[in-house]
Protein backbone atom coordinates (compact mmCIF):
# COMPACT_ATOMS: atom_id res chain seq x y z
CA MET A 1 -34.68 12.38 20.69
CA LYS A 2 -38.07 13.68 19.57
CA TYR A 3 -38.62 14.93 16.02
CA THR A 4 -41.73 16.97 15.14
CA LEU A 5 -43.20 19.08 12.35
CA SER A 6 -44.83 22.47 12.96
CA SER A 7 -46.65 24.78 10.58
CA LEU A 8 -46.21 27.79 12.88
CA ALA A 9 -43.89 30.59 11.86
CA PRO A 10 -40.35 29.77 13.01
CA GLU A 11 -40.06 33.11 14.82
CA SER A 12 -42.94 32.08 17.10
CA LEU A 13 -41.51 28.69 18.09
CA LYS A 14 -39.71 28.41 21.40
CA THR A 15 -36.30 26.76 21.10
CA ASP A 16 -32.82 26.96 22.54
CA CYS A 17 -31.22 27.03 19.11
CA TRP A 18 -32.60 27.98 15.71
CA ILE A 19 -30.13 26.79 13.07
CA ILE A 20 -30.15 28.94 9.92
CA PRO A 21 -27.95 28.05 6.91
CA LEU A 22 -26.14 30.93 5.21
CA PHE A 23 -25.08 30.97 1.58
CA GLN A 24 -22.59 33.48 0.26
CA ASP A 25 -24.23 36.54 -1.35
CA GLU A 26 -27.66 35.50 -0.05
CA THR A 27 -29.75 36.50 2.93
CA PRO A 28 -32.06 33.86 4.43
CA LYS A 29 -35.81 34.42 4.22
CA VAL A 30 -36.68 35.12 7.84
CA SER A 31 -38.52 37.91 9.67
CA GLY A 32 -37.47 41.42 8.72
CA LYS A 33 -35.65 42.32 11.95
CA ILE A 34 -33.58 39.11 12.03
CA GLU A 35 -32.84 39.37 8.33
CA GLN A 36 -31.63 42.93 8.88
CA ILE A 37 -29.29 41.84 11.70
CA ILE A 38 -27.83 39.05 9.59
CA SER A 39 -27.37 41.33 6.59
CA GLU A 40 -25.64 44.02 8.67
CA GLN A 41 -23.32 41.54 10.38
CA LEU A 42 -22.38 39.99 7.04
CA LYS A 43 -21.44 43.42 5.66
CA LEU A 44 -19.35 44.15 8.76
CA GLY A 45 -17.57 40.81 8.40
CA ASN A 46 -18.63 39.70 11.88
CA ILE A 47 -20.17 36.52 10.53
CA SER A 48 -19.12 34.31 7.65
CA ALA A 49 -21.01 32.21 5.14
CA ASP A 50 -17.94 30.12 4.34
CA LEU A 51 -18.58 26.39 4.44
CA ALA A 52 -19.00 25.01 7.99
CA GLN A 53 -18.27 28.38 9.62
CA THR A 54 -20.54 29.14 12.59
CA SER A 55 -21.70 32.39 14.20
CA TRP A 56 -24.21 33.15 16.95
CA VAL A 57 -26.95 35.71 17.44
CA PHE A 58 -28.00 35.76 21.09
CA ASN A 59 -31.41 36.96 22.29
CA PRO A 60 -32.65 37.79 18.78
CA PRO A 61 -35.41 40.45 18.71
CA HIS A 62 -39.01 39.60 17.84
CA CYS A 63 -38.17 35.93 18.06
CA SER A 64 -38.99 33.14 20.55
CA ALA A 65 -35.65 31.41 20.02
CA LYS A 66 -33.04 31.99 22.75
CA ARG A 67 -30.26 32.06 20.18
CA ILE A 68 -29.70 31.65 16.46
CA LEU A 69 -26.85 29.59 15.04
CA LEU A 70 -25.79 30.82 11.61
CA LEU A 71 -24.19 28.00 9.67
CA GLY A 72 -22.07 28.73 6.60
CA PHE A 73 -22.89 26.74 3.47
CA GLY A 74 -20.48 28.50 1.10
CA LYS A 75 -21.40 29.03 -2.54
CA ARG A 76 -24.77 27.63 -3.50
CA GLY A 77 -23.70 26.32 -6.89
CA SER A 78 -20.71 24.41 -5.55
CA LEU A 79 -22.28 22.90 -2.41
CA THR A 80 -22.91 19.15 -2.55
CA SER A 81 -25.42 17.27 -0.44
CA LEU A 82 -22.68 15.45 1.46
CA GLN A 83 -20.88 18.75 2.18
CA ALA A 84 -24.15 20.18 3.52
CA ILE A 85 -24.56 17.18 5.84
CA ALA A 86 -20.99 17.54 7.11
CA ALA A 87 -21.53 21.26 7.74
CA LEU A 88 -24.82 20.57 9.52
CA ARG A 89 -23.10 18.08 11.80
CA THR A 90 -20.59 20.79 12.69
CA GLY A 91 -23.54 23.02 13.58
CA ILE A 92 -25.12 20.30 15.72
CA ARG A 93 -21.90 19.95 17.70
CA GLU A 94 -21.86 23.72 18.20
CA ALA A 95 -25.42 23.60 19.51
CA LEU A 96 -24.43 20.81 21.90
CA ALA A 97 -21.46 22.83 23.13
CA LYS A 98 -23.89 25.59 24.11
CA LYS A 99 -25.93 23.00 26.04
CA SER A 100 -28.99 23.40 23.83
CA THR A 101 -31.80 21.03 24.72
CA THR A 102 -34.07 21.90 21.80
CA ALA A 103 -33.34 22.84 18.19
CA LEU A 104 -35.28 24.28 15.26
CA LEU A 105 -34.81 24.21 11.50
CA ALA A 106 -37.07 26.13 9.11
CA LEU A 107 -37.24 24.39 5.75
CA ASN A 108 -38.61 27.44 3.98
CA SER A 109 -36.06 29.97 5.22
CA THR A 110 -33.50 28.69 2.73
CA SER A 111 -33.26 26.21 -0.12
CA TRP A 112 -31.40 23.13 1.06
CA PRO A 113 -29.19 21.30 -1.48
CA PHE A 114 -31.27 18.14 -1.53
CA ALA A 115 -33.53 16.68 -4.19
CA SER A 116 -36.77 17.38 -2.28
CA LYS A 117 -38.10 18.53 1.08
CA ALA A 118 -38.78 14.90 1.98
CA GLN A 119 -35.10 14.08 1.39
CA THR A 120 -34.13 17.21 3.32
CA ILE A 121 -36.09 16.07 6.38
CA GLU A 122 -34.67 12.56 6.12
CA GLN A 123 -31.05 13.70 5.82
CA ILE A 124 -31.30 16.30 8.59
CA THR A 125 -32.87 13.75 10.94
CA LEU A 126 -30.13 11.23 10.17
CA ALA A 127 -27.44 13.90 10.65
CA PHE A 128 -28.79 14.57 14.14
CA SER A 129 -29.05 10.84 14.86
CA HIS A 130 -25.47 10.10 13.79
CA THR A 131 -24.05 13.11 15.64
CA LEU A 132 -25.87 12.34 18.89
CA TYR A 133 -24.96 8.64 18.95
CA ARG A 134 -22.46 7.54 21.60
CA PHE A 135 -21.24 4.07 22.58
CA SER A 136 -19.83 4.02 26.11
CA ALA A 137 -21.22 0.75 27.46
CA PHE A 138 -17.81 -0.36 28.75
CA LYS A 139 -16.53 2.92 30.17
CA THR A 140 -16.22 2.43 33.94
CA ASP A 141 -16.04 6.20 34.32
CA PRO A 142 -18.02 7.51 31.34
CA PRO A 143 -17.09 11.02 30.22
CA PRO A 144 -19.62 13.72 31.05
CA ARG A 145 -22.44 13.52 28.56
CA VAL A 146 -22.29 16.58 26.36
CA ILE A 147 -25.42 15.41 24.57
CA SER A 148 -28.35 17.37 25.85
CA LEU A 149 -30.57 17.76 22.80
CA LYS A 150 -33.99 16.29 23.42
CA SER A 151 -36.03 17.54 20.49
CA LEU A 152 -35.82 18.92 16.98
CA GLN A 153 -38.64 20.86 15.33
CA PHE A 154 -39.03 21.34 11.59
CA SER A 155 -40.93 24.46 10.62
CA VAL A 156 -42.85 23.81 7.37
CA ASP A 157 -45.77 25.30 5.48
CA LYS A 158 -49.21 24.19 6.65
CA LYS A 159 -49.96 22.56 3.30
CA GLU A 160 -46.72 20.53 3.52
CA GLU A 161 -47.14 19.22 7.07
CA LYS A 162 -49.26 16.18 6.17
CA GLU A 163 -47.25 15.50 3.03
CA LEU A 164 -43.90 15.46 4.86
CA LYS A 165 -44.96 13.41 7.89
CA PRO A 166 -44.27 10.03 6.19
CA ALA A 167 -40.73 11.18 5.33
CA LEU A 168 -40.10 12.10 8.97
CA ASP A 169 -41.53 8.77 10.15
CA ARG A 170 -39.23 6.91 7.75
CA ALA A 171 -36.21 8.85 8.95
CA VAL A 172 -36.99 8.28 12.63
CA ALA A 173 -37.51 4.55 12.06
CA LEU A 174 -34.27 4.36 10.07
CA SER A 175 -32.40 6.14 12.86
CA GLN A 176 -33.62 3.46 15.27
CA GLY A 177 -32.43 0.79 12.87
CA LEU A 178 -29.03 2.45 12.59
CA ASP A 179 -28.73 2.52 16.39
CA PHE A 180 -29.62 -1.20 16.42
CA VAL A 181 -26.72 -1.93 14.05
CA LYS A 182 -24.25 0.28 15.88
CA ASP A 183 -25.12 -1.01 19.35
CA LEU A 184 -24.48 -4.62 18.29
CA ALA A 185 -21.55 -4.05 15.93
CA ASN A 186 -19.63 -1.89 18.41
CA LEU A 187 -19.76 -4.60 21.06
CA PRO A 188 -16.48 -6.48 21.57
CA SER A 189 -16.55 -10.07 20.35
CA ASN A 190 -16.49 -11.49 23.88
CA HIS A 191 -19.85 -9.79 24.38
CA CYS A 192 -21.24 -10.22 20.85
CA THR A 193 -21.21 -13.88 19.84
CA PRO A 194 -23.39 -15.73 17.33
CA SER A 195 -25.76 -16.44 20.23
CA THR A 196 -25.96 -12.68 20.99
CA ILE A 197 -27.08 -11.91 17.45
CA ALA A 198 -29.54 -14.80 17.58
CA LYS A 199 -31.02 -13.43 20.80
CA SER A 200 -31.38 -9.95 19.27
CA ALA A 201 -33.37 -11.51 16.42
CA VAL A 202 -35.55 -13.47 18.83
CA ASP A 203 -36.19 -10.23 20.72
CA LEU A 204 -37.38 -8.63 17.47
CA GLY A 205 -39.91 -11.44 17.18
CA LYS A 206 -41.12 -10.72 20.71
CA GLU A 207 -41.33 -6.98 20.09
CA TYR A 208 -43.16 -7.05 16.75
CA LYS A 209 -46.06 -9.36 15.95
CA SER A 210 -45.20 -9.12 12.27
CA VAL A 211 -41.78 -10.75 12.83
CA LYS A 212 -41.23 -14.48 13.26
CA THR A 213 -37.76 -15.70 14.17
CA THR A 214 -36.15 -19.11 13.80
CA VAL A 215 -32.64 -20.00 15.00
CA LEU A 216 -30.90 -23.10 13.68
CA SER A 217 -28.19 -24.57 15.91
CA ILE A 218 -25.57 -27.23 15.10
CA PRO A 219 -27.92 -30.26 15.09
CA GLU A 220 -30.35 -28.60 12.66
CA MET A 221 -27.50 -27.41 10.43
CA LYS A 222 -26.00 -30.91 10.36
CA LYS A 223 -29.35 -32.40 9.42
CA LEU A 224 -29.71 -29.92 6.54
CA GLY A 225 -26.12 -30.34 5.38
CA MET A 226 -24.86 -26.80 5.94
CA GLY A 227 -21.20 -27.66 5.49
CA GLY A 228 -20.10 -24.06 5.03
CA MET A 229 -21.63 -22.84 8.27
CA LEU A 230 -20.40 -25.81 10.27
CA ALA A 231 -16.87 -25.70 8.87
CA VAL A 232 -16.31 -22.03 9.65
CA GLY A 233 -17.67 -22.33 13.19
CA GLN A 234 -16.00 -25.59 14.22
CA GLY A 235 -12.75 -23.99 15.43
CA SER A 236 -14.50 -21.86 18.05
CA ARG A 237 -16.06 -22.59 21.42
CA GLN A 238 -18.89 -20.30 20.33
CA GLU A 239 -21.53 -22.27 18.45
CA PRO A 240 -22.53 -20.99 15.02
CA LYS A 241 -26.13 -19.84 14.63
CA PHE A 242 -28.19 -19.61 11.47
CA VAL A 243 -30.82 -16.95 12.10
CA ILE A 244 -33.99 -16.39 10.06
CA ALA A 245 -36.19 -13.35 10.78
CA HIS A 246 -39.33 -13.33 8.65
CA TYR A 247 -41.24 -10.05 8.41
CA GLU A 248 -44.79 -10.53 7.15
CA GLY A 249 -46.32 -7.25 6.03
CA ALA A 250 -48.22 -8.57 3.01
CA ALA A 251 -50.25 -11.60 2.04
CA LYS A 252 -48.37 -14.90 2.17
CA SER A 253 -48.89 -15.24 -1.57
CA HIS A 254 -46.54 -12.27 -2.12
CA ALA A 255 -42.98 -13.40 -2.79
CA PRO A 256 -40.56 -11.94 -0.23
CA VAL A 257 -37.36 -10.02 -0.68
CA ALA A 258 -34.57 -12.11 0.84
CA LEU A 259 -31.78 -10.31 2.71
CA VAL A 260 -28.66 -12.25 3.66
CA GLY A 261 -25.95 -10.99 6.02
CA LYS A 262 -22.48 -12.25 6.86
CA GLY A 263 -22.24 -12.56 10.64
CA ILE A 264 -18.67 -13.47 11.59
CA THR A 265 -18.58 -12.11 15.12
CA PHE A 266 -14.80 -12.32 15.15
CA ASP A 267 -12.57 -13.18 12.23
CA SER A 268 -9.09 -14.21 13.25
CA GLY A 269 -8.55 -15.70 9.80
CA GLY A 270 -8.56 -19.18 11.33
CA ILE A 271 -5.49 -21.33 10.57
CA SER A 272 -4.67 -18.81 7.81
CA LEU A 273 -4.17 -16.30 10.61
CA LYS A 274 -4.49 -12.59 9.85
CA PRO A 275 -1.61 -10.22 10.66
CA PRO A 276 -2.06 -8.62 14.10
CA THR A 277 -2.33 -5.00 12.91
CA SER A 278 -5.92 -3.83 13.39
CA MET A 279 -7.16 -7.36 14.02
CA GLU A 280 -9.32 -5.94 16.83
CA GLU A 281 -11.49 -4.42 14.10
CA MET A 282 -12.50 -7.90 12.99
CA LYS A 283 -15.32 -7.69 15.53
CA PHE A 284 -17.05 -5.70 12.76
CA ASP A 285 -17.12 -8.71 10.43
CA MET A 286 -20.73 -9.27 11.49
CA CYS A 287 -22.03 -5.92 10.27
CA GLY A 288 -23.85 -7.50 7.32
CA ALA A 289 -25.85 -9.78 9.61
CA VAL A 290 -27.03 -7.06 11.97
CA THR A 291 -27.80 -4.78 9.02
CA VAL A 292 -30.29 -7.22 7.50
CA LEU A 293 -31.90 -7.78 10.91
CA ALA A 294 -32.14 -4.00 11.34
CA ALA A 295 -33.97 -3.85 8.01
CA VAL A 296 -36.60 -6.15 9.49
CA LYS A 297 -36.89 -3.90 12.54
CA VAL A 298 -37.37 -0.77 10.44
CA ALA A 299 -39.89 -2.52 8.18
CA ALA A 300 -41.86 -3.59 11.26
CA LEU A 301 -41.77 -0.06 12.70
CA LEU A 302 -43.11 1.35 9.43
CA LYS A 303 -45.49 -1.56 8.81
CA LEU A 304 -44.29 -1.79 5.22
CA PRO A 305 -46.69 -3.75 2.99
CA LEU A 306 -44.22 -6.40 1.79
CA ASN A 307 -42.61 -9.60 2.99
CA ILE A 308 -38.94 -9.87 3.96
CA VAL A 309 -36.84 -12.87 4.89
CA ALA A 310 -33.62 -11.82 6.63
CA ILE A 311 -30.96 -14.47 7.14
CA ALA A 312 -27.98 -13.87 9.41
CA ALA A 313 -25.24 -16.48 8.94
CA CYS A 314 -23.36 -16.19 12.24
CA ALA A 315 -20.15 -17.89 13.34
CA GLU A 316 -16.78 -17.14 14.88
CA ASN A 317 -13.69 -17.93 12.78
CA MET A 318 -10.98 -19.13 15.15
CA PRO A 319 -7.80 -21.25 14.88
CA GLY A 320 -8.82 -23.86 17.47
CA GLY A 321 -7.78 -27.48 17.51
CA ASN A 322 -10.90 -28.45 15.59
CA ALA A 323 -10.67 -25.62 13.05
CA ILE A 324 -10.89 -26.21 9.32
CA LYS A 325 -7.47 -26.42 7.66
CA PRO A 326 -6.16 -25.47 4.24
CA GLY A 327 -6.78 -28.48 2.02
CA ASP A 328 -9.95 -29.61 3.80
CA ILE A 329 -12.96 -30.29 1.58
CA ILE A 330 -16.48 -29.42 2.68
CA THR A 331 -19.90 -30.05 1.17
CA THR A 332 -22.15 -27.01 1.13
CA LEU A 333 -25.93 -27.00 1.46
CA SER A 334 -26.22 -26.88 -2.35
CA GLY A 335 -24.23 -30.10 -2.68
CA THR A 336 -21.26 -28.26 -4.19
CA THR A 337 -17.97 -29.44 -2.71
CA VAL A 338 -15.38 -26.78 -1.87
CA GLU A 339 -11.68 -27.21 -1.20
CA VAL A 340 -10.62 -24.76 1.49
CA ILE A 341 -7.39 -23.17 0.29
CA ASN A 342 -7.50 -20.21 2.68
CA THR A 343 -9.48 -20.32 5.92
CA ASP A 344 -9.60 -16.52 5.92
CA ALA A 345 -11.99 -16.69 2.95
CA GLU A 346 -14.70 -17.87 5.32
CA GLY A 347 -17.43 -15.34 4.58
CA ARG A 348 -18.19 -16.86 1.19
CA LEU A 349 -18.55 -20.27 2.84
CA VAL A 350 -21.27 -19.23 5.30
CA LEU A 351 -22.94 -17.11 2.61
CA SER A 352 -23.01 -20.04 0.20
CA ASP A 353 -25.27 -21.95 2.59
CA ALA A 354 -27.40 -18.89 3.30
CA LEU A 355 -27.90 -18.10 -0.38
CA THR A 356 -28.86 -21.69 -1.10
CA TYR A 357 -31.29 -21.70 1.84
CA CYS A 358 -33.07 -18.65 0.37
CA ALA A 359 -34.43 -20.74 -2.49
CA ARG A 360 -37.06 -22.37 -0.27
CA TYR A 361 -38.81 -19.00 0.06
CA LYS A 362 -38.93 -18.44 -3.73
CA PRO A 363 -37.92 -14.79 -3.26
CA LYS A 364 -38.42 -12.18 -5.95
CA ALA A 365 -34.93 -10.87 -5.19
CA ILE A 366 -31.95 -11.72 -2.97
CA ILE A 367 -29.60 -9.08 -1.59
CA ASP A 368 -26.61 -10.10 0.49
CA VAL A 369 -24.52 -7.73 2.59
CA ALA A 370 -21.03 -8.65 3.74
CA THR A 371 -17.73 -7.21 4.89
CA LEU A 372 -16.18 -9.61 2.41
CA THR A 373 -12.90 -8.53 0.81
CA GLY A 374 -9.97 -6.23 1.36
CA SER A 375 -9.92 -5.88 -2.41
CA MET A 376 -13.11 -3.82 -2.26
CA LEU A 377 -11.39 -1.53 0.20
CA MET A 378 -8.56 -1.08 -2.29
CA ALA A 379 -10.96 -0.50 -5.19
CA LEU A 380 -13.40 2.02 -3.71
CA GLY A 381 -11.91 3.18 -0.42
CA LEU A 382 -13.86 4.08 2.70
CA GLU A 383 -16.74 6.14 1.31
CA THR A 384 -18.41 3.95 -1.29
CA SER A 385 -19.83 0.44 -1.02
CA GLY A 386 -19.38 -1.83 -4.00
CA PHE A 387 -22.17 -4.00 -5.32
CA PHE A 388 -22.62 -6.65 -7.97
CA SER A 389 -25.80 -7.90 -9.58
CA ASN A 390 -26.96 -10.49 -12.08
CA ASP A 391 -30.11 -8.50 -12.90
CA GLU A 392 -30.30 -5.13 -14.68
CA ASP A 393 -33.61 -4.02 -13.17
CA LEU A 394 -32.46 -4.82 -9.64
CA ALA A 395 -29.15 -3.06 -10.22
CA LYS A 396 -30.91 0.07 -11.51
CA SER A 397 -33.24 0.11 -8.51
CA LEU A 398 -30.32 -0.21 -6.09
CA THR A 399 -28.34 2.52 -7.87
CA HIS A 400 -31.39 4.78 -7.64
CA SER A 401 -31.75 3.99 -3.93
CA ALA A 402 -28.07 4.78 -3.35
CA ASP A 403 -28.54 8.17 -5.02
CA GLN A 404 -31.76 9.00 -3.17
CA SER A 405 -30.55 7.86 0.25
CA LEU A 406 -27.10 9.45 -0.19
CA ASP A 407 -25.71 6.06 0.91
CA GLU A 408 -23.07 5.85 -1.80
CA ALA A 409 -22.64 2.61 -3.76
CA TRP A 410 -21.06 1.75 -7.08
CA ARG A 411 -21.92 -1.16 -9.31
CA MET A 412 -18.94 -3.41 -10.03
CA PRO A 413 -18.59 -5.81 -12.97
CA LEU A 414 -19.71 -9.41 -12.50
CA LEU A 415 -17.34 -11.25 -14.84
CA GLU A 416 -18.49 -14.82 -15.42
CA GLY A 417 -15.12 -16.00 -16.65
CA TYR A 418 -13.68 -15.50 -13.18
CA LEU A 419 -15.39 -18.68 -11.94
CA ALA A 420 -12.78 -20.70 -13.84
CA ASP A 421 -10.20 -19.31 -11.41
CA PHE A 422 -11.83 -21.40 -8.66
CA LYS A 423 -11.00 -24.67 -10.37
CA SER A 424 -9.87 -27.37 -7.93
CA GLY A 425 -8.20 -30.66 -8.65
CA PHE A 426 -9.95 -32.29 -5.69
CA ALA A 427 -13.40 -30.64 -5.37
CA ASP A 428 -16.00 -28.81 -7.44
CA LEU A 429 -14.56 -25.44 -6.44
CA ALA A 430 -11.73 -23.96 -4.39
CA ASN A 431 -12.69 -21.17 -2.01
CA VAL A 432 -10.07 -18.78 -3.41
CA ALA A 433 -8.38 -18.24 -6.76
CA PRO A 434 -4.65 -18.89 -7.19
CA HIS A 435 -4.01 -15.13 -7.64
CA ARG A 436 -5.24 -12.01 -5.83
CA TRP A 437 -6.18 -9.85 -8.82
CA GLY A 438 -9.79 -8.68 -8.79
CA GLY A 439 -10.45 -10.30 -5.43
CA ALA A 440 -13.80 -8.56 -4.85
CA ILE A 441 -15.03 -9.67 -8.29
CA GLN A 442 -13.79 -13.21 -7.65
CA ALA A 443 -15.73 -13.40 -4.39
CA ALA A 444 -18.91 -12.11 -6.05
CA VAL A 445 -18.64 -14.67 -8.86
CA PHE A 446 -18.14 -17.43 -6.28
CA LEU A 447 -21.34 -16.35 -4.49
CA GLU A 448 -23.30 -16.13 -7.74
CA HIS A 449 -22.74 -19.87 -8.22
CA PHE A 450 -25.10 -20.48 -5.27
CA VAL A 451 -27.86 -18.11 -6.42
CA LYS A 452 -28.93 -19.70 -9.74
CA GLU A 453 -31.57 -17.69 -11.62
CA THR A 454 -33.03 -15.43 -8.90
CA PRO A 455 -32.39 -11.68 -9.29
CA TRP A 456 -29.54 -11.08 -6.87
CA ALA A 457 -27.20 -8.37 -5.64
CA HIS A 458 -24.13 -8.62 -3.44
CA PHE A 459 -22.90 -5.67 -1.37
CA ASP A 460 -19.29 -5.70 -0.26
CA ILE A 461 -19.15 -3.21 2.63
CA ALA A 462 -15.60 -3.88 3.80
CA GLY A 463 -14.75 -0.20 3.47
CA THR A 464 -17.97 1.43 4.64
CA ALA A 465 -19.28 -0.68 7.52
CA TRP A 466 -17.21 1.14 10.13
CA LEU A 467 -15.07 4.25 10.64
CA ARG A 468 -11.43 3.41 11.31
CA SER A 469 -10.46 6.53 13.25
CA GLY A 470 -11.64 9.79 14.77
CA PRO A 471 -14.03 10.60 17.62
CA GLU A 472 -16.86 8.68 15.93
CA LYS A 473 -14.80 5.55 15.28
CA GLY A 474 -17.05 2.52 15.07
CA ALA A 475 -19.94 1.06 13.10
CA THR A 476 -21.70 3.32 10.57
CA GLY A 477 -24.85 1.27 9.95
CA ARG A 478 -24.30 1.38 6.20
CA PRO A 479 -25.83 0.39 3.83
CA LEU A 480 -29.08 0.27 5.84
CA GLY A 481 -30.23 3.61 4.42
CA LEU A 482 -29.87 2.31 0.86
CA LEU A 483 -31.60 -0.97 1.68
CA MET A 484 -34.55 0.72 3.35
CA HIS A 485 -35.05 3.10 0.43
CA TYR A 486 -35.12 0.09 -1.91
CA LEU A 487 -37.52 -1.83 0.35
CA TYR A 488 -39.79 1.18 0.79
CA GLU A 489 -40.06 1.68 -2.96
CA ALA A 490 -40.58 -2.06 -3.47
CA SER A 491 -43.44 -1.93 -0.95
CA GLN A 492 -45.12 0.86 -2.94
CA ALA A 493 -44.80 -0.85 -6.32
CA LYS A 494 -47.99 -2.25 -7.77
């Protein structure tokens, strides 16, 4: 898909489909003849401005577009940004149904419900990217491809063209990062193993000179003392892999941002076996790992002037004959001993080693991303990621990035007293508390133990990493949009 900006009048641009939003009691600012047609048809009731309603004008006069798609946005004052995106995606599907190969949007024909024109371009580009994405790698007889769109033009004022180009570049790079996450996360676990993720990281190093990749296998992890990684992976025939992708976009003297991702390529629960319902979705338990690697890819595409260390802690959690058992005690990389009460609380074990490992880079901030707890799903549902932080400035920056990227996240309380719930009679800590109340908070407090004083945030994306149903079921790529907004702003800070 090609995305371009043009300062020519929208009426003069050749396209299969010019998408024009309609608000109730308003007429869009387009050429007089087209505006007259729209106004007349609205009065006759032939077209509707109700939210997500679509109408067509074929062969519009004095216009190079073959057809115009009128897309209802409802009442201006009540329309939210997320409603506008959902309506736009409906319009995109309508354009696809008419076999459009090119599309046009004029930013100055109507006022979009976004904070700025830069955000408008970003969100429209991402709406097209999400709507056009398909995963059919394992269909022996793939359905006919209805996707035919090849390009999208944005019509903007001449004075805005140069100003808005960086926003379009960011959106296009982010869309490539989102596809990277989806393509890996949607793979079944027999095709996406820890070694698969490691290879994808190595390939990033080959593709971008600014990325250096290191993969630690079992011997290196044993030498370092990564008891969490080794314990979780020991029940599987698939070897665990500890992946480090280092993006160098600034001087080596600049402290990096460290990104850590949980990469459990399949989570059976281990000996503490999960119930069978929806267990096939546990292939998505590696979404955190591929998200942080995607952040490196996007940073390399944009040549962001900052340093990033992305760590993907990858393993498969299986109930094999060599699997860890409830009651086993492991020694993590930090030296902290952990009694394993529940083998299905494995994510915090691999993350404990990854968070400890970050210290060698002396990062200015650590952000981990993990599909960690069902409790987060219960707390915030499927639309909002939860995050925790030990640092007010970092938390404010991440909240701002969530708002600006429209990648919803909500800060949860980090309650220090919860660490007492992990008391063990046999080790320094147990890996779960004796009760299930506040499980997402408990997990965050457990992770904080391995961070020490570094500014840190933990994203629990158990509810938002993938869609559970519908035609677009599968990985969402979240919260990559939020992360990239934060990293972009961090790269611009002086």
